[in-house]
Amino acid sequence: MDIISPVAWQYALRYSSETDPLLQEIEQYTQQHHREAHMLSGQLQGQFLSLFSRLLRPAAILEIGTFTGYSALCLAKGLRSNGQLHTIELREAEATIARQFFDRSAYAGQLHLHQGDARSVLPELLLSWDLVFMDADKVSYIDYFNMILPSVRPGGFILADNVFFHGQVFAPTPTGKSAKAIAAFNEYIKAHQGVEVLLLPIRDGISVIQKKGDVNAEGV
């Protein structure tokens, strides 16, 4: 189903800034060579991620689900000069593609790609995250959230993608493993006392989740 009006979507694309040449290349490559190209964030969502990161100016970004590297490069645009982004990709083929694009980017020295299961990688990343982007297997969203929340700084943000799951969560009783998992995640986050959440109807739905707590004057 079309969650967002195709006419409105095309209009938004027309009047939004274009992405840089490397991002355009990643999108074109993914569309031509990957059977799951629909998983790519794309121009509008990518611009949202980039803007959000530039406003936040994070020192440490975590991404769960690299795919072909598009969203990581969008998020990297807001990194501080000494900042770093760690991204985790389960599948070796996608990690290889993303790494090749990362090596050609202006942020090559700030990007750290970990290939493997996020449940194994996350305990090894002993950092305090300013910004987290979750876009991996949907059945694990609650598990990922609970693993990373303690490491998110007070006032930091988690962005969770695909929280509409192609519109399947709109049904009174969602069916399918992933749809049911996302519906449960949305309920879980809404009831969680440690965060505030704003669910935005961008593409397939993005939850903007902020960890409660005091933030010092520098926002770190």
Protein backbone atom coordinates (compact mmCIF):
# COMPACT_ATOMS: atom_id res chain seq x y z
CA MET A 1 0.00 0.00 0.00
CA ASP A 2 1.05 3.62 -0.54
CA ILE A 3 1.44 5.07 2.94
CA ILE A 4 2.40 8.50 1.65
CA SER A 5 0.64 9.98 -1.38
CA PRO A 6 2.91 9.34 -4.42
CA VAL A 7 2.00 12.80 -5.71
CA ALA A 8 3.02 14.42 -2.41
CA TRP A 9 6.20 12.33 -2.34
CA GLN A 10 7.24 13.39 -5.82
CA TYR A 11 6.45 17.01 -5.02
CA ALA A 12 8.60 16.79 -1.90
CA LEU A 13 11.46 15.33 -3.92
CA ARG A 14 11.19 18.11 -6.49
CA TYR A 15 11.49 20.83 -3.88
CA SER A 16 14.15 19.26 -1.68
CA SER A 17 17.90 19.66 -2.11
CA GLU A 18 19.67 17.03 -4.16
CA THR A 19 22.03 14.60 -2.49
CA ASP A 20 25.75 14.56 -3.18
CA PRO A 21 27.20 12.52 -6.09
CA LEU A 22 28.40 9.60 -3.94
CA LEU A 23 24.96 9.13 -2.37
CA GLN A 24 23.40 9.28 -5.82
CA GLU A 25 25.84 6.60 -6.96
CA ILE A 26 25.00 4.36 -4.00
CA GLU A 27 21.28 4.70 -4.70
CA GLN A 28 21.73 3.96 -8.40
CA TYR A 29 24.00 1.00 -7.71
CA THR A 30 21.60 -0.46 -5.16
CA GLN A 31 18.61 -0.03 -7.47
CA GLN A 32 20.44 -1.79 -10.28
CA HIS A 33 22.16 -4.59 -8.40
CA HIS A 34 20.27 -5.43 -5.21
CA ARG A 35 17.00 -7.36 -5.16
CA GLU A 36 16.03 -5.63 -1.90
CA ALA A 37 16.73 -2.10 -3.10
CA HIS A 38 13.54 -0.91 -1.38
CA MET A 39 15.46 -1.15 1.90
CA LEU A 40 17.59 1.87 0.94
CA SER A 41 16.68 5.05 2.82
CA GLY A 42 16.58 7.16 -0.32
CA GLN A 43 16.73 10.91 -0.88
CA LEU A 44 14.04 12.28 1.43
CA GLN A 45 14.70 10.02 4.39
CA GLY A 46 18.43 10.42 3.85
CA GLN A 47 18.07 14.19 3.92
CA PHE A 48 16.09 13.91 7.15
CA LEU A 49 18.83 11.78 8.74
CA SER A 50 21.48 14.20 7.57
CA LEU A 51 19.61 17.26 8.85
CA PHE A 52 18.88 15.60 12.20
CA SER A 53 22.55 14.71 12.62
CA ARG A 54 23.74 18.18 11.59
CA LEU A 55 21.41 19.76 14.15
CA LEU A 56 22.60 17.41 16.90
CA ARG A 57 26.32 17.52 16.06
CA PRO A 58 26.98 14.10 17.60
CA ALA A 59 30.36 12.86 18.74
CA ALA A 60 29.30 9.21 18.57
CA ILE A 61 26.71 7.65 16.26
CA LEU A 62 25.60 4.02 16.22
CA GLU A 63 23.79 2.41 13.32
CA ILE A 64 22.30 -1.08 13.44
CA GLY A 65 21.78 -2.22 9.87
CA THR A 66 24.26 -0.79 7.35
CA PHE A 67 22.83 -2.25 4.12
CA THR A 68 24.80 -0.62 1.25
CA GLY A 69 25.97 2.35 3.33
CA TYR A 70 23.60 5.12 2.24
CA SER A 71 22.12 6.00 5.63
CA ALA A 72 25.48 5.88 7.40
CA LEU A 73 26.92 8.45 5.02
CA CYS A 74 23.87 10.66 5.54
CA LEU A 75 24.27 10.46 9.32
CA ALA A 76 28.02 11.10 9.09
CA LYS A 77 27.40 14.58 7.69
CA GLY A 78 26.64 15.84 11.20
CA LEU A 79 29.62 14.30 12.98
CA ARG A 80 31.96 16.55 14.88
CA SER A 81 35.47 16.76 13.47
CA ASN A 82 36.67 14.22 16.03
CA GLY A 83 33.44 12.18 15.98
CA GLN A 84 32.96 8.59 14.93
CA LEU A 85 30.19 6.45 13.55
CA HIS A 86 29.96 2.72 14.20
CA THR A 87 27.67 0.70 11.96
CA ILE A 88 26.80 -2.99 12.17
CA GLU A 89 25.82 -5.19 9.23
CA LEU A 90 24.95 -8.87 9.57
CA ARG A 91 25.42 -9.83 5.93
CA GLU A 92 28.94 -10.01 4.53
CA ALA A 93 27.98 -9.08 0.96
CA GLU A 94 26.29 -5.84 2.00
CA ALA A 95 29.14 -5.00 4.39
CA THR A 96 31.63 -5.37 1.54
CA ILE A 97 29.63 -3.04 -0.71
CA ALA A 98 29.21 -0.44 2.03
CA ARG A 99 32.90 -0.53 2.94
CA GLN A 100 33.87 0.23 -0.66
CA PHE A 101 31.66 3.31 -0.67
CA PHE A 102 32.86 4.37 2.80
CA ASP A 103 36.48 4.26 1.65
CA ARG A 104 35.66 6.82 -1.05
CA SER A 105 33.85 9.24 1.25
CA ALA A 106 35.08 12.32 3.06
CA TYR A 107 34.33 10.53 6.35
CA ALA A 108 36.38 7.39 5.69
CA GLY A 109 38.50 7.86 8.80
CA GLN A 110 35.46 8.32 11.03
CA LEU A 111 33.42 5.32 9.87
CA HIS A 112 33.80 1.92 11.54
CA LEU A 113 31.92 -0.97 9.98
CA HIS A 114 31.40 -4.14 12.02
CA GLN A 115 30.25 -7.23 10.16
CA GLY A 116 28.35 -9.68 12.34
CA ASP A 117 25.36 -10.14 14.61
CA ALA A 118 24.52 -6.93 16.47
CA ARG A 119 23.90 -8.88 19.66
CA SER A 120 27.54 -9.95 19.65
CA VAL A 121 29.00 -6.66 18.44
CA LEU A 122 27.12 -4.22 20.69
CA PRO A 123 28.66 -5.36 24.02
CA GLU A 124 32.11 -4.66 22.55
CA LEU A 125 31.32 -1.02 21.69
CA LEU A 126 31.96 0.78 24.96
CA LEU A 127 30.84 4.25 23.93
CA SER A 128 28.21 6.74 24.99
CA TRP A 129 25.95 7.32 21.99
CA ASP A 130 24.53 10.69 21.04
CA LEU A 131 22.50 9.27 18.16
CA VAL A 132 21.41 5.75 17.22
CA PHE A 133 19.71 4.64 14.00
CA MET A 134 17.98 1.23 14.09
CA ASP A 135 17.18 -0.29 10.72
CA ALA A 136 17.83 -4.01 11.06
CA ASP A 137 15.70 -7.13 11.62
CA LYS A 138 12.36 -5.97 12.97
CA VAL A 139 11.76 -8.89 15.32
CA SER A 140 14.78 -7.75 17.36
CA TYR A 141 13.87 -4.08 17.77
CA ILE A 142 12.86 -4.37 21.42
CA ASP A 143 16.00 -6.37 22.20
CA TYR A 144 18.23 -3.85 20.41
CA PHE A 145 16.50 -0.96 22.16
CA ASN A 146 17.04 -2.48 25.60
CA MET A 147 20.67 -3.26 24.81
CA ILE A 148 21.55 0.24 23.64
CA LEU A 149 19.42 2.50 25.86
CA PRO A 150 21.81 2.35 28.84
CA SER A 151 24.63 3.54 26.55
CA VAL A 152 22.66 6.45 25.08
CA ARG A 153 23.54 9.68 26.84
CA PRO A 154 20.72 11.52 28.66
CA GLY A 155 19.05 13.67 26.04
CA GLY A 156 20.39 11.48 23.24
CA PHE A 157 18.25 10.09 20.46
CA ILE A 158 17.30 6.75 18.92
CA LEU A 159 15.74 6.80 15.46
CA ALA A 160 13.85 3.60 14.64
CA ASP A 161 12.99 2.98 10.98
CA ASN A 162 10.09 1.10 9.38
CA VAL A 163 7.75 1.52 12.34
CA PHE A 164 4.77 1.40 9.94
CA PHE A 165 6.13 -1.82 8.41
CA HIS A 166 4.57 -1.19 4.99
CA GLY A 167 1.29 -0.20 6.64
CA GLN A 168 0.74 -3.65 8.13
CA VAL A 169 0.72 -2.29 11.69
CA PHE A 170 -2.41 -0.27 10.86
CA ALA A 171 -4.50 -3.43 10.97
CA PRO A 172 -6.39 -4.05 14.25
CA THR A 173 -4.49 -7.32 14.60
CA PRO A 174 -1.28 -7.32 12.53
CA THR A 175 -0.26 -10.62 11.00
CA GLY A 176 3.20 -11.77 10.07
CA LYS A 177 6.21 -12.04 12.34
CA SER A 178 7.78 -8.68 11.53
CA ALA A 179 4.53 -6.71 11.55
CA LYS A 180 3.59 -8.11 14.94
CA ALA A 181 7.08 -7.35 16.25
CA ILE A 182 6.95 -3.73 15.08
CA ALA A 183 3.46 -3.26 16.52
CA ALA A 184 4.76 -4.60 19.84
CA PHE A 185 7.79 -2.31 19.63
CA ASN A 186 5.61 0.75 19.06
CA GLU A 187 3.48 -0.14 22.08
CA TYR A 188 6.58 -0.83 24.17
CA ILE A 189 8.19 2.52 23.36
CA LYS A 190 4.97 4.46 23.93
CA ALA A 191 4.68 2.97 27.44
CA HIS A 192 8.38 3.25 28.33
CA GLN A 193 8.95 5.68 31.21
CA GLY A 194 12.55 6.46 30.28
CA VAL A 195 11.94 8.04 26.88
CA GLU A 196 9.78 10.45 24.94
CA VAL A 197 8.72 9.50 21.43
CA LEU A 198 7.43 11.19 18.30
CA LEU A 199 6.39 8.89 15.45
CA LEU A 200 6.78 10.64 12.11
CA PRO A 201 5.03 9.57 8.88
CA ILE A 202 8.21 9.75 6.79
CA ARG A 203 8.49 7.00 4.17
CA ASP A 204 7.73 3.81 6.15
CA GLY A 205 7.54 5.59 9.51
CA ILE A 206 10.36 6.77 11.79
CA SER A 207 10.15 6.93 15.57
CA VAL A 208 12.20 9.75 17.08
CA ILE A 209 12.96 8.55 20.61
CA GLN A 210 14.72 10.76 23.14
CA LYS A 211 16.20 9.40 26.34
CA LYS A 212 15.01 11.40 29.32
CA GLY A 213 17.50 13.06 31.62
CA ASP A 214 19.45 16.26 32.06
CA VAL A 215 21.66 17.56 29.27
CA ASN A 216 24.53 19.86 30.10
CA ALA A 217 25.13 23.15 28.38
CA GLU A 218 27.19 21.59 25.58
CA GLY A 219 24.62 18.88 24.95
CA VAL A 220 27.03 16.04 25.70
